Amino acid sequence: MPRHQRATSTPPADWAGGNPACRLQVPDGFSLRETVLSHGWYELAPFEWLDSPATLLRSDSLPDGSTHLISTSQKGGAGRAVELHWISGRPSMARKAVLLARARRILNLDLDLSEFMELCRREPRLRHVPRTGAGRFLRCGNTYEEVFKAICGTNIAWKQAVLAINRLAALGRPVRGSTVKAFPTPDVFLRFGEKRLRDISRLGYRVPYLLAWSRRVQEKDPGWLQLETGKASREEAMRILLSVNGVGKATARYLLMVWGYPGEISVDSSVYLYCRRERFAGRTPTEREILTLYDAYAPWQAYAYWFEFLPWAKQHWGLGGAQGSQKQEASLAALLRVGPQREIRV
């Protein structure tokens, strides 16, 4: 099968779709493919995207210590129900409820985009969004993993970030009956300690930040609990994120956008590049000029920018779906990164 990344979560050889599917109803026009490929997280274990037959694999661990491998697909394409198959075995009713809630979170299914879709239908640059079923971001199953990966991916080349994160992900607990591993829980990283994690990840100065974040989550920090339960306002979420060592304003804004807070653009070098070429006739704008331009789309500025930018990025980097060359895929992946970077070379 054509893949967008090397296999990191290969299902058992006798897998033919897993145990009977559980269906999730989706918003009108929702596209699994567009959501998965909305940014670069699909390349990071424990995710794996199988381009044909458009299936997302993910292994997950639950608070009770159980691990699960799940496939997500959408037969019939955009607007049809999403099907989850329990590859590692049918979970108990209690575990199933948790996994279904996580699946909805991963696909951002409960995010109300009705106003944004109306805006897109009025704006020529954004009409493709409702037409293709785009408009949502792929998430992880929990905010611990999301913040952890964002710290790993800040101010680093995408290729190195993917390798580092996938090396760390390999430290997780295996799913029964397969070679797949769930993303490590905080206690796993804390047991390894700084020196070993530096050697494994090659992330240098970021490792103490990762351990500090793991320790906060392990100790059930109230700020993390607010993020995890979704009870933080945008302002509270920003404050909590900025209190995390290794998370700056650009990374915090990027995470907030992914989580469904659409109002503030994470301005970095890719934003300057796009705006210079497509919005300011070859002149490099100031950050204030960029923010003023997209204020016209309030309160959806970040979403308006990203989904205007995304088709241009794919075309500019020449990626033609699963048949694109490795070089083209790497170029696009550098743009659809795990988190903001200071520099993106083109």
Protein backbone atom coordinates (compact mmCIF):
# COMPACT_ATOMS: atom_id res chain seq x y z
CA MET A 1 0.00 0.00 0.00
CA PRO A 2 1.27 3.52 -0.72
CA ARG A 3 2.12 5.27 2.54
CA HIS A 4 2.96 8.83 3.50
CA GLN A 5 5.57 7.53 5.95
CA ARG A 6 7.50 4.42 6.80
CA ALA A 7 5.45 1.83 8.63
CA THR A 8 5.49 2.35 12.39
CA SER A 9 2.32 0.48 13.37
CA THR A 10 2.02 -2.51 11.10
CA PRO A 11 -1.10 -4.56 11.93
CA PRO A 12 -0.93 -8.32 12.35
CA ALA A 13 -0.39 -10.29 9.16
CA ASP A 14 -3.84 -11.87 9.35
CA TRP A 15 -5.62 -8.55 9.86
CA ALA A 16 -8.57 -8.09 7.53
CA GLY A 17 -10.12 -5.01 9.05
CA GLY A 18 -10.11 -5.95 12.69
CA ASN A 19 -13.12 -6.85 14.83
CA PRO A 20 -16.56 -5.58 13.80
CA ALA A 21 -16.67 -1.88 13.18
CA CYS A 22 -18.07 0.79 15.45
CA ARG A 23 -19.53 3.67 13.47
CA LEU A 24 -19.13 7.33 14.37
CA GLN A 25 -21.49 9.86 12.88
CA VAL A 26 -19.67 12.88 11.47
CA PRO A 27 -20.55 16.48 10.62
CA ASP A 28 -21.92 17.16 7.14
CA GLY A 29 -19.22 16.82 4.51
CA PHE A 30 -16.51 15.66 6.92
CA SER A 31 -13.49 14.08 5.21
CA LEU A 32 -11.20 11.72 7.11
CA ARG A 33 -8.46 12.16 4.52
CA GLU A 34 -8.55 15.97 4.64
CA THR A 35 -8.52 15.95 8.44
CA VAL A 36 -5.61 13.51 8.71
CA LEU A 37 -3.54 15.45 6.15
CA SER A 38 -4.39 18.85 7.66
CA HIS A 39 -0.88 19.06 9.15
CA GLY A 40 2.14 16.90 9.86
CA TRP A 41 1.09 14.93 12.93
CA TYR A 42 -0.02 11.94 10.86
CA GLU A 43 3.68 11.14 10.36
CA LEU A 44 4.33 10.73 14.06
CA ALA A 45 3.97 7.43 15.92
CA PRO A 46 1.69 6.03 17.15
CA PHE A 47 -0.17 7.26 14.04
CA GLU A 48 0.24 5.68 10.65
CA TRP A 49 -1.66 6.80 7.57
CA LEU A 50 -2.27 4.19 4.86
CA ASP A 51 -2.98 6.25 1.77
CA SER A 52 -4.81 3.39 0.12
CA PRO A 53 -7.39 2.46 1.37
CA ALA A 54 -7.37 5.79 3.27
CA THR A 55 -7.05 4.28 6.73
CA LEU A 56 -5.60 5.79 9.89
CA LEU A 57 -3.95 3.41 12.36
CA ARG A 58 -3.27 4.41 15.95
CA SER A 59 -2.27 2.53 19.08
CA ASP A 60 -3.41 3.94 22.38
CA SER A 61 -3.01 3.28 26.10
CA LEU A 62 -5.77 3.91 28.61
CA PRO A 63 -5.50 4.99 32.26
CA ASP A 64 -6.10 1.39 33.38
CA GLY A 65 -2.91 0.32 31.59
CA SER A 66 -4.59 -1.47 28.68
CA THR A 67 -3.28 -0.88 25.15
CA HIS A 68 -5.28 -0.95 21.92
CA LEU A 69 -4.67 -0.81 18.17
CA ILE A 70 -7.48 0.80 16.19
CA SER A 71 -8.05 1.49 12.51
CA THR A 72 -10.21 4.37 11.33
CA SER A 73 -11.65 4.53 7.82
CA GLN A 74 -14.44 6.24 5.90
CA LYS A 75 -16.01 4.05 3.25
CA GLY A 76 -17.66 6.10 0.54
CA GLY A 77 -15.66 9.24 1.24
CA ALA A 78 -16.56 12.65 2.67
CA GLY A 79 -19.77 12.92 4.60
CA ARG A 80 -20.10 9.22 5.32
CA ALA A 81 -19.80 7.73 8.80
CA VAL A 82 -16.35 6.88 10.12
CA GLU A 83 -15.70 3.23 11.02
CA LEU A 84 -13.44 2.10 13.85
CA HIS A 85 -12.11 -1.47 13.89
CA TRP A 86 -10.67 -2.99 17.07
CA ILE A 87 -7.60 -4.67 15.59
CA SER A 88 -6.19 -5.76 18.94
CA GLY A 89 -9.48 -7.21 20.14
CA ARG A 90 -12.88 -5.97 21.19
CA PRO A 91 -12.57 -3.73 24.29
CA SER A 92 -14.85 -3.88 27.30
CA MET A 93 -17.80 -1.49 27.34
CA ALA A 94 -16.00 0.88 29.70
CA ARG A 95 -12.83 0.91 27.60
CA LYS A 96 -14.84 1.25 24.41
CA ALA A 97 -16.50 4.41 25.75
CA VAL A 98 -13.10 5.98 26.44
CA LEU A 99 -11.71 4.97 23.05
CA LEU A 100 -14.73 6.33 21.20
CA ALA A 101 -14.44 9.64 23.04
CA ARG A 102 -10.77 9.79 22.09
CA ALA A 103 -11.58 9.01 18.47
CA ARG A 104 -13.98 11.94 18.34
CA ARG A 105 -11.33 14.14 19.88
CA ILE A 106 -8.60 12.97 17.49
CA LEU A 107 -10.78 13.88 14.52
CA ASN A 108 -12.16 17.06 16.12
CA LEU A 109 -15.68 15.86 15.34
CA ASP A 110 -17.39 17.91 18.04
CA LEU A 111 -15.96 21.22 16.87
CA ASP A 112 -18.75 23.44 15.50
CA LEU A 113 -17.50 24.86 12.20
CA SER A 114 -20.84 26.05 10.83
CA GLU A 115 -19.87 29.75 10.93
CA PHE A 116 -16.46 29.03 9.43
CA MET A 117 -18.05 27.06 6.59
CA GLU A 118 -20.35 29.99 5.83
CA LEU A 119 -17.31 32.26 5.70
CA CYS A 120 -15.55 29.81 3.38
CA ARG A 121 -18.45 29.74 0.95
CA ARG A 122 -18.25 33.54 0.64
CA GLU A 123 -14.47 33.70 0.23
CA PRO A 124 -13.08 32.41 -3.12
CA ARG A 125 -9.77 31.41 -1.55
CA LEU A 126 -11.59 29.17 0.92
CA ARG A 127 -14.41 27.64 -1.12
CA HIS A 128 -12.47 24.39 -1.37
CA VAL A 129 -12.85 23.84 2.39
CA PRO A 130 -16.56 22.86 2.47
CA ARG A 131 -16.28 21.31 -0.99
CA THR A 132 -13.54 18.86 0.08
CA GLY A 133 -14.59 18.29 3.69
CA ALA A 134 -11.57 20.08 5.14
CA GLY A 135 -11.51 22.51 8.08
CA ARG A 136 -10.48 20.29 11.00
CA PHE A 137 -7.08 19.35 12.41
CA LEU A 138 -5.86 15.92 13.40
CA ARG A 139 -5.31 15.73 17.15
CA CYS A 140 -3.72 13.18 19.47
CA GLY A 141 -5.69 11.25 22.03
CA ASN A 142 -4.59 13.52 24.89
CA THR A 143 -3.04 16.92 25.52
CA TYR A 144 0.01 15.39 27.20
CA GLU A 145 1.12 13.81 23.93
CA GLU A 146 0.28 16.94 21.92
CA VAL A 147 2.33 19.31 24.06
CA PHE A 148 5.17 16.78 24.29
CA LYS A 149 5.39 16.50 20.50
CA ALA A 150 5.12 20.26 20.06
CA ILE A 151 8.14 20.77 22.32
CA CYS A 152 10.07 18.15 20.33
CA GLY A 153 9.26 19.85 17.04
CA THR A 154 10.07 23.46 17.83
CA ASN A 155 13.11 25.01 16.12
CA ILE A 156 14.23 21.77 14.48
CA ALA A 157 14.17 20.43 10.94
CA TRP A 158 11.08 18.33 10.30
CA LYS A 159 13.03 15.22 9.32
CA GLN A 160 14.94 15.31 12.60
CA ALA A 161 11.76 15.97 14.56
CA VAL A 162 10.02 12.94 13.05
CA LEU A 163 12.98 10.69 13.75
CA ALA A 164 13.33 11.94 17.33
CA ILE A 165 9.63 11.65 18.17
CA ASN A 166 9.34 8.20 16.64
CA ARG A 167 12.42 7.03 18.56
CA LEU A 168 10.82 8.22 21.78
CA ALA A 169 7.46 6.72 20.84
CA ALA A 170 9.16 3.33 20.49
CA LEU A 171 9.71 3.33 24.27
CA GLY A 172 5.99 2.82 24.87
CA ARG A 173 4.16 -0.33 25.95
CA PRO A 174 3.37 -2.85 23.20
CA VAL A 175 -0.16 -3.65 22.14
CA ARG A 176 -1.01 -7.28 22.84
CA GLY A 177 -0.61 -9.52 19.82
CA SER A 178 1.32 -7.04 17.67
CA THR A 179 4.61 -5.19 17.39
CA VAL A 180 2.85 -1.84 17.77
CA LYS A 181 3.52 0.39 20.76
CA ALA A 182 1.32 3.03 22.36
CA PHE A 183 2.78 6.44 23.06
CA PRO A 184 4.74 6.30 26.35
CA THR A 185 3.06 7.55 29.49
CA PRO A 186 4.88 10.17 31.60
CA ASP A 187 6.25 7.61 34.05
CA VAL A 188 8.08 5.82 31.24
CA PHE A 189 10.07 8.91 30.28
CA LEU A 190 10.71 9.80 33.91
CA ARG A 191 12.16 6.34 34.56
CA PHE A 192 14.54 6.66 31.61
CA GLY A 193 15.91 9.96 32.88
CA GLU A 194 17.63 12.85 31.14
CA LYS A 195 20.89 11.24 30.01
CA ARG A 196 19.29 8.21 28.37
CA LEU A 197 16.59 10.29 26.72
CA ARG A 198 19.20 12.66 25.32
CA ASP A 199 21.04 9.69 23.84
CA ILE A 200 17.89 8.15 22.38
CA SER A 201 16.18 11.27 21.06
CA ARG A 202 19.14 13.55 20.25
CA LEU A 203 16.90 16.46 21.22
CA GLY A 204 19.51 18.16 23.38
CA TYR A 205 18.25 21.08 25.45
CA ARG A 206 14.61 20.07 24.90
CA VAL A 207 14.91 16.90 27.01
CA PRO A 208 14.73 18.67 30.41
CA TYR A 209 11.62 20.48 29.12
CA LEU A 210 10.06 17.15 28.13
CA LEU A 211 10.82 15.67 31.54
CA ALA A 212 9.42 18.73 33.34
CA TRP A 213 6.20 18.45 31.32
CA SER A 214 6.01 14.71 32.01
CA ARG A 215 6.45 15.37 35.71
CA ARG A 216 3.63 17.95 35.73
CA VAL A 217 1.27 15.49 34.09
CA GLN A 218 2.40 12.60 36.31
CA GLU A 219 1.64 14.76 39.35
CA LYS A 220 -1.77 15.73 37.91
CA ASP A 221 -0.94 19.40 37.65
CA PRO A 222 -4.17 21.48 37.79
CA GLY A 223 -3.21 23.36 34.62
CA TRP A 224 -2.79 20.16 32.65
CA LEU A 225 -6.11 18.86 34.01
CA GLN A 226 -7.81 22.02 32.74
CA LEU A 227 -6.38 21.45 29.28
CA GLU A 228 -7.17 17.73 29.28
CA THR A 229 -10.79 18.17 30.33
CA GLY A 230 -11.36 21.03 27.89
CA LYS A 231 -12.48 23.34 30.68
CA ALA A 232 -9.94 26.09 30.01
CA SER A 233 -10.95 29.21 28.13
CA ARG A 234 -8.68 30.35 25.33
CA GLU A 235 -7.00 32.85 27.64
CA GLU A 236 -6.54 30.24 30.37
CA ALA A 237 -5.20 27.70 27.88
CA MET A 238 -2.68 30.23 26.58
CA ARG A 239 -1.55 31.04 30.12
CA ILE A 240 -1.12 27.35 30.98
CA LEU A 241 0.79 26.61 27.78
CA LEU A 242 3.15 29.54 28.31
CA SER A 243 3.89 28.18 31.79
CA VAL A 244 5.30 25.01 30.19
CA ASN A 245 9.08 25.13 29.71
CA GLY A 246 9.85 24.87 26.01
CA VAL A 247 6.55 26.32 24.81
CA GLY A 248 6.68 29.86 23.45
CA LYS A 249 3.93 32.04 22.01
CA ALA A 250 4.19 30.67 18.46
CA THR A 251 3.96 27.05 19.63
CA ALA A 252 1.10 27.88 22.01
CA ARG A 253 -0.85 29.59 19.23
CA TYR A 254 -0.28 26.62 16.95
CA LEU A 255 -1.59 24.19 19.56
CA LEU A 256 -4.60 26.40 20.26
CA MET A 257 -5.42 26.44 16.55
CA VAL A 258 -5.26 22.64 16.41
CA TRP A 259 -7.46 22.39 19.50
CA GLY A 260 -10.19 24.55 17.98
CA TYR A 261 -9.35 28.11 19.07
CA PRO A 262 -9.31 29.77 15.63
CA GLY A 263 -8.59 33.41 16.39
CA GLU A 264 -4.82 33.96 16.51
CA ILE A 265 -2.35 33.14 13.74
CA SER A 266 0.96 31.57 14.71
CA VAL A 267 3.18 33.80 12.58
CA ASP A 268 6.44 32.13 11.59
CA SER A 269 8.62 31.89 8.50
CA SER A 270 6.11 29.86 6.50
CA VAL A 271 3.49 32.57 7.05
CA TYR A 272 5.90 35.27 5.86
CA LEU A 273 6.80 33.16 2.83
CA TYR A 274 3.20 32.61 1.76
CA CYS A 275 2.08 36.17 2.40
CA ARG A 276 5.06 37.64 0.59
CA ARG A 277 4.40 35.57 -2.51
CA GLU A 278 0.60 35.47 -2.57
CA ARG A 279 -0.70 38.44 -0.60
CA PHE A 280 1.86 41.26 -0.74
CA ALA A 281 3.11 41.13 -4.34
CA GLY A 282 6.61 39.96 -3.45
CA ARG A 283 7.13 42.34 -0.53
CA THR A 284 7.81 40.88 2.91
CA PRO A 285 5.06 42.19 5.21
CA THR A 286 5.35 42.97 8.88
CA GLU A 287 3.65 40.74 11.42
CA ARG A 288 1.15 43.52 12.09
CA GLU A 289 0.30 43.75 8.40
CA ILE A 290 -0.35 40.01 8.26
CA LEU A 291 -2.55 40.04 11.35
CA THR A 292 -4.47 43.08 10.06
CA LEU A 293 -5.07 41.36 6.72
CA TYR A 294 -6.66 38.33 8.37
CA ASP A 295 -8.62 40.34 10.92
CA ALA A 296 -11.24 40.54 8.19
CA TYR A 297 -11.99 36.87 8.91
CA ALA A 298 -12.46 37.28 12.68
CA PRO A 299 -13.04 35.26 14.77
CA TRP A 300 -11.61 32.64 12.37
CA GLN A 301 -8.29 34.29 11.46
CA ALA A 302 -6.02 31.30 12.10
CA TYR A 303 -8.28 28.86 10.28
CA ALA A 304 -8.76 31.25 7.35
CA TYR A 305 -5.01 31.62 6.97
CA TRP A 306 -4.18 27.93 7.34
CA PHE A 307 -6.76 26.56 4.93
CA GLU A 308 -5.98 29.29 2.42
CA PHE A 309 -2.30 28.44 2.71
CA LEU A 310 -2.62 24.64 2.62
CA PRO A 311 -3.56 24.10 -1.07
CA TRP A 312 -0.87 26.58 -2.12
CA ALA A 313 1.70 24.72 -0.04
CA LYS A 314 0.80 21.41 -1.65
CA GLN A 315 0.94 22.90 -5.14
CA HIS A 316 4.10 24.91 -4.47
CA TRP A 317 5.90 21.85 -3.18
CA GLY A 318 4.59 19.74 -6.05
CA LEU A 319 3.10 16.95 -3.97
CA GLY A 320 0.69 14.88 -6.03
CA GLY A 321 -0.83 12.62 -3.41
CA ALA A 322 0.58 9.19 -2.68
CA GLN A 323 2.59 9.17 -5.91
CA GLY A 324 4.72 12.18 -4.93
CA SER A 325 8.46 11.64 -4.66
CA GLN A 326 10.19 11.35 -1.31
CA LYS A 327 11.80 14.74 -1.86
CA GLN A 328 8.43 16.36 -2.55
CA GLU A 329 6.87 14.70 0.47
CA ALA A 330 9.72 15.86 2.69
CA SER A 331 9.31 19.42 1.41
CA LEU A 332 5.60 19.45 2.17
CA ALA A 333 6.11 17.79 5.54
CA ALA A 334 8.55 20.53 6.49
CA LEU A 335 5.72 22.99 5.97
CA LEU A 336 3.00 20.94 7.66
CA ARG A 337 5.16 20.62 10.70
CA VAL A 338 4.51 19.48 14.23
CA GLY A 339 4.95 23.02 15.52
CA PRO A 340 6.27 26.46 14.59
CA GLN A 341 9.88 26.85 13.56
CA ARG A 342 12.08 29.87 13.18
CA GLU A 343 13.29 28.93 9.76
CA ILE A 344 11.97 26.84 6.90
CA ARG A 345 14.32 26.61 3.94
CA VAL A 346 12.82 26.38 0.48
